[in-house]
Protein backbone atom coordinates (compact mmCIF):
# COMPACT_ATOMS: atom_id res chain seq x y z
CA UNK A 1 -3.35 -29.22 38.32
CA UNK A 2 -1.44 -28.12 35.58
CA UNK A 3 -0.41 -24.24 35.33
CA UNK A 4 1.76 -22.38 33.14
CA UNK A 5 2.92 -18.85 32.57
CA UNK A 6 4.34 -17.31 29.15
CA UNK A 7 5.07 -13.36 29.53
CA UNK A 8 6.08 -11.92 26.05
CA UNK A 9 5.65 -8.30 25.72
CA UNK A 10 6.12 -8.26 22.27
CA UNK A 11 3.38 -9.26 20.14
CA UNK A 12 1.17 -6.91 17.88
CA UNK A 13 -1.94 -7.78 19.45
CA UNK A 14 -0.81 -9.18 22.98
CA UNK A 15 1.46 -7.32 25.35
CA UNK A 16 1.04 -9.96 28.07
CA UNK A 17 -0.24 -13.52 28.03
CA UNK A 18 -1.03 -15.27 31.16
CA UNK A 19 -2.32 -18.89 30.82
CA UNK A 20 -3.69 -20.71 33.62
CA UNK A 21 -5.07 -24.15 34.21
CA UNK A 22 -7.94 -25.52 31.93
CA UNK A 23 -10.62 -24.27 34.41
CA UNK A 24 -8.68 -21.12 34.92
CA UNK A 25 -8.19 -17.63 33.26
CA UNK A 26 -6.38 -16.64 30.26
CA UNK A 27 -5.66 -13.15 28.85
CA UNK A 28 -4.40 -11.67 25.80
CA UNK A 29 -4.67 -8.00 26.79
CA UNK A 30 -4.35 -5.14 24.53
CA UNK A 31 -3.76 -3.21 27.36
CA UNK A 32 -2.97 -4.60 30.94
CA UNK A 33 -6.62 -4.88 32.30
CA UNK A 34 -8.24 -6.26 29.53
CA UNK A 35 -9.43 -9.88 29.65
CA UNK A 36 -10.22 -12.36 27.07
CA UNK A 37 -14.02 -13.45 26.62
CA UNK A 38 -14.60 -16.01 29.15
CA UNK A 39 -11.98 -15.06 31.78
CA UNK A 40 -13.01 -15.13 34.97
CA UNK A 41 -10.75 -12.38 36.23
CA UNK A 42 -9.29 -9.32 35.52
CA UNK A 43 -5.75 -9.08 34.16
CA UNK A 44 -2.76 -7.97 36.30
CA UNK A 45 -2.09 -4.38 36.35
CA UNK A 46 1.02 -3.09 34.46
CA UNK A 47 2.78 -2.47 37.58
CA UNK A 48 2.88 -5.95 38.39
CA UNK A 49 3.89 -6.82 34.89
CA UNK A 50 6.90 -4.93 33.88
CA UNK A 51 9.03 -6.37 36.17
CA UNK A 52 8.53 -9.92 34.98
CA UNK A 53 8.32 -8.77 31.56
CA UNK A 54 11.91 -7.51 31.86
CA UNK A 55 12.86 -11.06 33.09
CA UNK A 56 11.47 -13.31 30.36
CA UNK A 57 13.05 -13.91 27.33
CA UNK A 58 11.12 -15.32 24.25
CA UNK A 59 13.03 -18.31 24.05
CA UNK A 60 12.52 -19.05 27.35
CA UNK A 61 8.88 -18.95 27.00
CA UNK A 62 8.91 -21.23 24.03
CA UNK A 63 10.70 -23.57 26.32
CA UNK A 64 7.94 -23.46 28.68
CA UNK A 65 5.36 -23.63 26.22
CA UNK A 66 7.13 -26.61 24.29
CA UNK A 67 6.95 -28.48 27.95
CA UNK A 68 3.17 -27.66 28.66
CA UNK A 69 2.30 -28.97 25.36
CA UNK A 70 3.89 -32.09 25.47
CA UNK A 71 2.43 -32.67 29.00
CA UNK A 72 -0.89 -32.16 27.34
CA UNK A 73 -0.31 -34.40 24.55
CA UNK A 74 0.83 -37.11 27.03
CA UNK A 75 -2.55 -37.12 29.04
CA UNK A 76 -4.59 -37.24 25.99
CA UNK A 77 -5.68 -33.35 25.62
CA UNK A 78 -3.36 -32.28 22.54
CA UNK A 79 -6.42 -30.58 21.05
CA UNK A 80 -8.20 -28.92 24.04
CA UNK A 81 -8.98 -25.29 24.34
CA UNK A 82 -5.80 -24.98 26.64
CA UNK A 83 -3.59 -26.27 23.89
CA UNK A 84 -5.15 -23.86 21.41
CA UNK A 85 -3.93 -21.11 23.64
CA UNK A 86 -0.70 -22.39 24.18
CA UNK A 87 -0.26 -22.68 20.42
CA UNK A 88 -1.18 -18.93 20.20
CA UNK A 89 1.46 -18.02 22.53
CA UNK A 90 4.14 -20.22 21.41
CA UNK A 91 3.45 -18.30 18.14
CA UNK A 92 3.78 -14.99 19.70
CA UNK A 93 7.27 -16.30 21.36
CA UNK A 94 8.59 -17.14 18.14
CA UNK A 95 7.37 -13.93 16.60
CA UNK A 96 9.22 -12.08 19.41
CA UNK A 97 12.36 -14.35 18.84
CA UNK A 98 12.38 -13.34 14.99
CA UNK A 99 11.24 -16.68 13.98
CA UNK A 100 8.67 -15.75 11.62
CA UNK A 101 7.70 -18.90 9.80
CA UNK A 102 7.37 -21.01 12.82
CA UNK A 103 5.11 -18.49 14.43
CA UNK A 104 3.03 -18.81 11.17
CA UNK A 105 2.86 -22.35 11.78
CA UNK A 106 1.57 -21.95 15.29
CA UNK A 107 -0.80 -19.57 14.44
CA UNK A 108 -2.07 -21.86 11.86
CA UNK A 109 -2.38 -24.66 13.94
CA UNK A 110 -4.10 -22.50 16.63
CA UNK A 111 -6.63 -21.62 14.07
CA UNK A 112 -7.26 -25.06 13.20
CA UNK A 113 -8.06 -26.14 16.86
CA UNK A 114 -10.01 -23.07 17.62
CA UNK A 115 -12.28 -23.52 14.35
CA UNK A 116 -13.05 -27.05 15.87
CA UNK A 117 -13.20 -26.31 19.08
CA UNK A 118 -14.78 -22.86 19.50
CA UNK A 119 -18.65 -22.22 19.66
CA UNK A 120 -19.69 -21.73 16.29
CA UNK A 121 -16.23 -22.34 14.99
CA UNK A 122 -15.41 -18.79 15.36
CA UNK A 123 -12.01 -18.30 16.16
CA UNK A 124 -10.99 -15.12 18.49
CA UNK A 125 -10.11 -12.11 16.67
CA UNK A 126 -6.57 -11.56 18.36
CA UNK A 127 -5.66 -15.11 16.95
CA UNK A 128 -6.94 -13.74 13.39
CA UNK A 129 -4.66 -10.61 13.78
CA UNK A 130 -1.76 -12.26 15.01
CA UNK A 131 -1.82 -14.63 11.78
CA UNK A 132 -2.38 -11.64 9.33
CA UNK A 133 0.68 -9.86 10.64
CA UNK A 134 2.93 -13.14 10.02
CA UNK A 135 1.70 -13.09 6.80
CA UNK A 136 2.55 -9.61 6.29
CA UNK A 137 6.07 -10.32 7.52
CA UNK A 138 6.75 -13.17 5.20
CA UNK A 139 5.43 -10.62 2.37
CA UNK A 140 2.59 -12.78 1.74
CA UNK A 141 0.47 -9.86 0.82
CA UNK A 142 -2.63 -10.75 -0.80
CA UNK A 143 -3.03 -13.69 1.76
CA UNK A 144 -2.39 -10.92 4.50
CA UNK A 145 -4.95 -8.45 3.28
CA UNK A 146 -7.41 -10.94 3.39
CA UNK A 147 -6.43 -12.15 6.55
CA UNK A 148 -6.74 -8.43 7.95
CA UNK A 149 -9.93 -8.49 6.46
CA UNK A 150 -11.42 -11.44 8.31
CA UNK A 151 -9.58 -10.41 11.57
CA UNK A 152 -11.28 -6.87 11.06
CA UNK A 153 -14.82 -8.40 10.68
CA UNK A 154 -14.30 -10.70 13.88
CA UNK A 155 -13.20 -7.91 15.86
CA UNK A 156 -16.24 -5.76 14.85
CA UNK A 157 -18.87 -8.80 15.60
CA UNK A 158 -16.92 -9.27 18.67
CA UNK A 159 -16.63 -5.56 19.98
CA UNK A 160 -13.18 -5.77 20.03
CA UNK A 161 -12.05 -2.17 19.49
CA UNK A 162 -8.38 -2.54 20.05
CA UNK A 163 -7.93 -5.64 17.80
CA UNK A 164 -10.09 -3.93 15.47
CA UNK A 165 -8.44 -0.84 15.22
CA UNK A 166 -4.96 -2.77 15.41
CA UNK A 167 -5.56 -4.72 12.60
CA UNK A 168 -6.23 -1.59 10.55
CA UNK A 169 -3.17 -0.17 11.49
CA UNK A 170 -1.28 -3.35 10.61
CA UNK A 171 -3.20 -3.56 7.42
CA UNK A 172 -2.05 0.28 6.36
CA UNK A 173 1.32 -0.81 7.22
CA UNK A 174 0.98 -3.88 4.79
CA UNK A 175 -0.20 -1.20 2.03
CA UNK A 176 2.84 0.89 2.77
CA UNK A 177 5.12 -2.08 2.19
CA UNK A 178 3.23 -2.83 -0.78
CA UNK A 179 4.37 0.90 -2.14
CA UNK A 180 0.49 2.04 -1.91
CA UNK A 181 1.23 5.28 0.41
CA UNK A 182 -2.27 7.01 -0.33
CA UNK A 183 -4.08 3.92 0.69
CA UNK A 184 -2.01 3.43 3.90
CA UNK A 185 -2.49 7.15 4.59
CA UNK A 186 -5.95 6.75 3.94
CA UNK A 187 -6.33 3.86 6.40
CA UNK A 188 -4.67 5.78 9.11
CA UNK A 189 -6.79 8.85 8.88
CA UNK A 190 -9.52 6.48 9.40
CA UNK A 191 -8.73 5.33 12.88
CA UNK A 192 -5.98 7.97 14.24
CA UNK A 193 -9.01 9.97 16.00
CA UNK A 194 -9.78 6.87 18.11
CA UNK A 195 -6.86 7.53 20.09
CA UNK A 196 -7.62 8.74 23.52
CA UNK A 197 -11.48 7.99 23.04
CA UNK A 198 -12.03 4.16 22.01
CA UNK A 199 -8.08 3.16 22.90
CA UNK A 200 -5.59 4.89 25.01
CA UNK A 201 -2.97 6.85 24.04
CA UNK A 202 -0.36 4.48 25.76
CA UNK A 203 -1.77 1.27 24.23
CA UNK A 204 -0.19 -1.15 21.56
CA UNK A 205 -2.74 0.08 18.45
CA UNK A 206 -2.05 3.53 19.43
CA UNK A 207 1.74 3.13 19.01
CA UNK A 208 1.17 0.92 16.14
CA UNK A 209 -0.59 3.78 14.71
CA UNK A 210 2.24 6.10 15.37
CA UNK A 211 4.43 3.73 13.74
CA UNK A 212 3.10 3.63 10.60
CA UNK A 213 2.26 7.45 10.69
CA UNK A 214 5.95 7.88 11.28
CA UNK A 215 6.95 5.16 8.17
CA UNK A 216 4.69 7.26 5.78
CA UNK A 217 6.34 10.77 6.64
CA UNK A 218 9.75 9.21 5.92
CA UNK A 219 8.29 7.66 2.63
CA UNK A 220 7.29 11.34 1.97
CA UNK A 221 10.63 12.66 2.81
CA UNK A 222 9.51 14.54 5.75
CA UNK A 223 12.42 12.88 7.96
CA UNK A 224 12.57 15.35 10.85
CA UNK A 225 8.97 14.70 11.53
CA UNK A 226 9.36 10.61 11.19
CA UNK A 227 12.20 10.93 13.59
CA UNK A 228 10.09 12.73 16.28
CA UNK A 229 7.34 10.32 15.93
CA UNK A 230 9.69 7.27 16.29
CA UNK A 231 11.50 9.01 19.08
CA UNK A 232 8.27 8.84 21.21
CA UNK A 233 7.76 5.13 20.52
CA UNK A 234 11.43 4.63 21.80
CA UNK A 235 10.71 6.59 24.66
CA UNK A 236 7.57 4.98 25.36
CA UNK A 237 9.58 1.33 25.80
CA UNK A 238 12.72 2.76 27.16
CA UNK A 239 10.41 4.69 29.91
CA UNK A 240 9.18 1.12 30.86
CA UNK A 241 12.47 -0.78 30.37
CA UNK A 242 11.09 -2.93 27.86
CA UNK A 243 13.86 -4.04 25.35
CA UNK A 244 11.42 -5.91 23.23
CA UNK A 245 10.62 -6.48 19.53
CA UNK A 246 8.64 -3.49 18.82
CA UNK A 247 11.51 -1.27 20.28
CA UNK A 248 14.18 -2.89 17.85
CA UNK A 249 11.74 -2.37 14.96
CA UNK A 250 11.27 1.11 16.01
CA UNK A 251 14.98 2.09 16.26
CA UNK A 252 15.43 0.46 12.51
CA UNK A 253 12.78 2.69 11.17
CA UNK A 254 14.32 5.60 12.92
CA UNK A 255 18.06 4.80 11.67
CA UNK A 256 16.28 4.67 7.93
CA UNK A 257 14.94 8.20 8.67
CA UNK A 258 18.27 9.34 9.87
CA UNK A 259 20.12 8.13 7.07
CA UNK A 260 17.26 9.56 4.56
CA UNK A 261 18.10 12.87 6.51
CA UNK A 262 21.84 12.25 5.86
CA UNK A 263 22.88 11.66 9.59
CA UNK A 264 24.92 8.23 9.17
CA UNK A 265 26.26 8.42 12.92
CA UNK A 266 22.62 8.66 14.27
CA UNK A 267 21.69 6.15 11.85
CA UNK A 268 24.16 3.63 12.58
CA UNK A 269 23.91 4.14 16.44
CA UNK A 270 20.31 3.06 16.07
CA UNK A 271 20.73 0.23 14.01
CA UNK A 272 23.48 -1.19 16.05
CA UNK A 273 21.35 -0.83 19.39
CA UNK A 274 18.16 -2.41 17.47
CA UNK A 275 21.14 -5.51 16.72
CA UNK A 276 21.89 -5.59 20.24
CA UNK A 277 18.43 -5.95 21.24
CA UNK A 278 17.37 -8.24 18.43
CA UNK A 279 20.13 -10.48 19.37
CA UNK A 280 19.12 -10.71 23.13
CA UNK A 281 15.57 -11.75 21.88
CA UNK A 282 17.08 -14.38 19.84
CA UNK A 283 18.66 -15.87 22.60
CA UNK A 284 20.16 -19.43 21.77
CA UNK A 285 18.05 -19.79 18.31
CA UNK A 286 20.54 -19.94 15.42
CA UNK A 287 18.59 -17.32 13.36
CA UNK A 288 16.19 -14.42 13.72
CA UNK A 289 14.30 -12.02 11.31
CA UNK A 290 14.68 -9.19 13.62
CA UNK A 291 18.66 -9.86 13.86
CA UNK A 292 18.65 -10.02 9.98
CA UNK A 293 16.76 -6.76 9.55
CA UNK A 294 19.05 -5.10 11.83
CA UNK A 295 22.17 -6.49 10.37
CA UNK A 296 20.50 -5.26 6.81
CA UNK A 297 19.84 -1.83 8.08
CA UNK A 298 23.67 -1.66 9.23
CA UNK A 299 24.70 -2.79 5.99
CA UNK A 300 22.92 0.05 4.15
CA UNK A 301 24.22 2.70 6.40
CA UNK A 302 27.79 1.39 6.24
CA UNK A 303 27.41 1.47 2.60
CA UNK A 304 26.35 5.38 2.57
CA UNK A 305 29.56 6.07 4.77
CA UNK A 306 31.51 4.35 2.20
CA UNK A 307 32.81 1.50 4.49
CA UNK A 308 32.28 -1.38 1.87
CA UNK A 309 33.70 -4.10 3.57
CA UNK A 310 31.78 -3.66 6.76
CA UNK A 311 28.38 -3.08 4.39
CA UNK A 312 29.41 -6.55 2.56
CA UNK A 313 30.26 -8.68 6.06
CA UNK A 314 26.71 -7.22 7.48
CA UNK A 315 24.68 -8.04 4.30
CA UNK A 316 26.21 -11.56 4.33
CA UNK A 317 25.30 -12.38 7.95
CA UNK A 318 21.76 -10.64 7.32
CA UNK A 319 21.25 -13.06 4.23
CA UNK A 320 21.95 -15.88 6.66
CA UNK A 321 19.10 -14.93 9.06
CA UNK A 322 16.79 -13.68 6.29
CA UNK A 323 16.81 -16.72 4.27
CA UNK A 324 16.12 -19.05 7.07
CA UNK A 325 13.43 -16.83 8.76
CA UNK A 326 11.53 -15.18 5.96
CA UNK A 327 12.50 -17.31 3.12
CA UNK A 328 14.65 -17.13 -0.47
CA UNK A 329 11.64 -15.17 -1.89
CA UNK A 330 10.91 -12.44 0.62
CA UNK A 331 12.08 -9.01 -0.77
CA UNK A 332 14.43 -8.08 2.36
CA UNK A 333 16.26 -11.64 1.50
CA UNK A 334 16.60 -10.94 -2.45
CA UNK A 335 17.65 -7.80 -1.75
CA UNK A 336 20.36 -9.06 0.94
CA UNK A 337 21.43 -11.52 -1.76
CA UNK A 338 21.86 -9.15 -4.29
CA UNK A 339 24.05 -6.80 -2.24
CA UNK A 340 26.16 -9.66 -1.09
CA UNK A 341 27.09 -10.77 -4.89
CA UNK A 342 27.69 -7.07 -5.79
CA UNK A 343 30.05 -6.90 -2.52
CA UNK A 344 31.86 -10.00 -3.18
CA UNK A 345 32.21 -9.09 -6.94
CA UNK A 346 33.57 -5.92 -5.78
CA UNK A 347 36.63 -7.73 -4.06
CA UNK A 348 37.38 -9.91 -6.78
CA UNK A 349 41.02 -8.87 -8.42
CA UNK A 350 40.89 -7.68 -11.95
CA UNK A 351 42.95 -10.09 -13.92
CA UNK A 352 43.02 -8.36 -17.00
């Protein structure tokens, strides 16, 4: 009997993923004890999860999943339901390591298998949410908004409150990325009252709501309030010893808020810690969007501090990561590219 375990603790909609044999259980919980439809047992408790989650790195999970996929293909089960779960988990692990384009490829393949193999051709809501967040991360906003709509409708039909609320929160974050602060605020206002009622206050959707709220506050210039909310998120992950992608993102957002407030020392400390976490998650992969975004944050801070050489070096390194993982047309990649050009031109000697 084949059996695999992949633990990631970093997906937008899945903290821990446990894959059993083709006849066993599979989980994609929004909180530690929430099982997938059709699962035969309850998920493991949080106290049992955390020690292993701290030891597992995304690149290790991808290696194990790749081995399992090869084995399934070898025995002629390359498109079985078990492979659908593996593809989804590979996407989660890729996203956790900052390989966003690879994550989307895996979600798309998992979606293809799910449509073909699922009863009624209905993919599970959590897969639809994972795919939507990948599209948003790649700045493919119209596609992401449509994907969120599909995920929300699917989760509503299936009665998956956590996925529905998570999708609405991430869609609000997408509106914010698009510059529509008012719409992002309205979206959050419709779901914030559900925290502590239909979703636990220490769940992934609740943390997502808080993160987007903090980013909206920063966009409104209310930096102290933004920092306070982001500190709650940082303490949530630190209190569980989880050096994961959401923590790196929260630190980068808090660095931006500190910078907006004028505290460059605190901003740089957060950005450097985010970079440390991102490099750890990156593992032996050559590129990571998380690493690139952390470097971009450092570059902005160093520029504000007047250290143009340090900013130029950080921009240049960020560009190499972002172009490979997010693509040349992504706004962050273009910004890093433009800043790199400006930095290089400033270094050119004046020969007049």
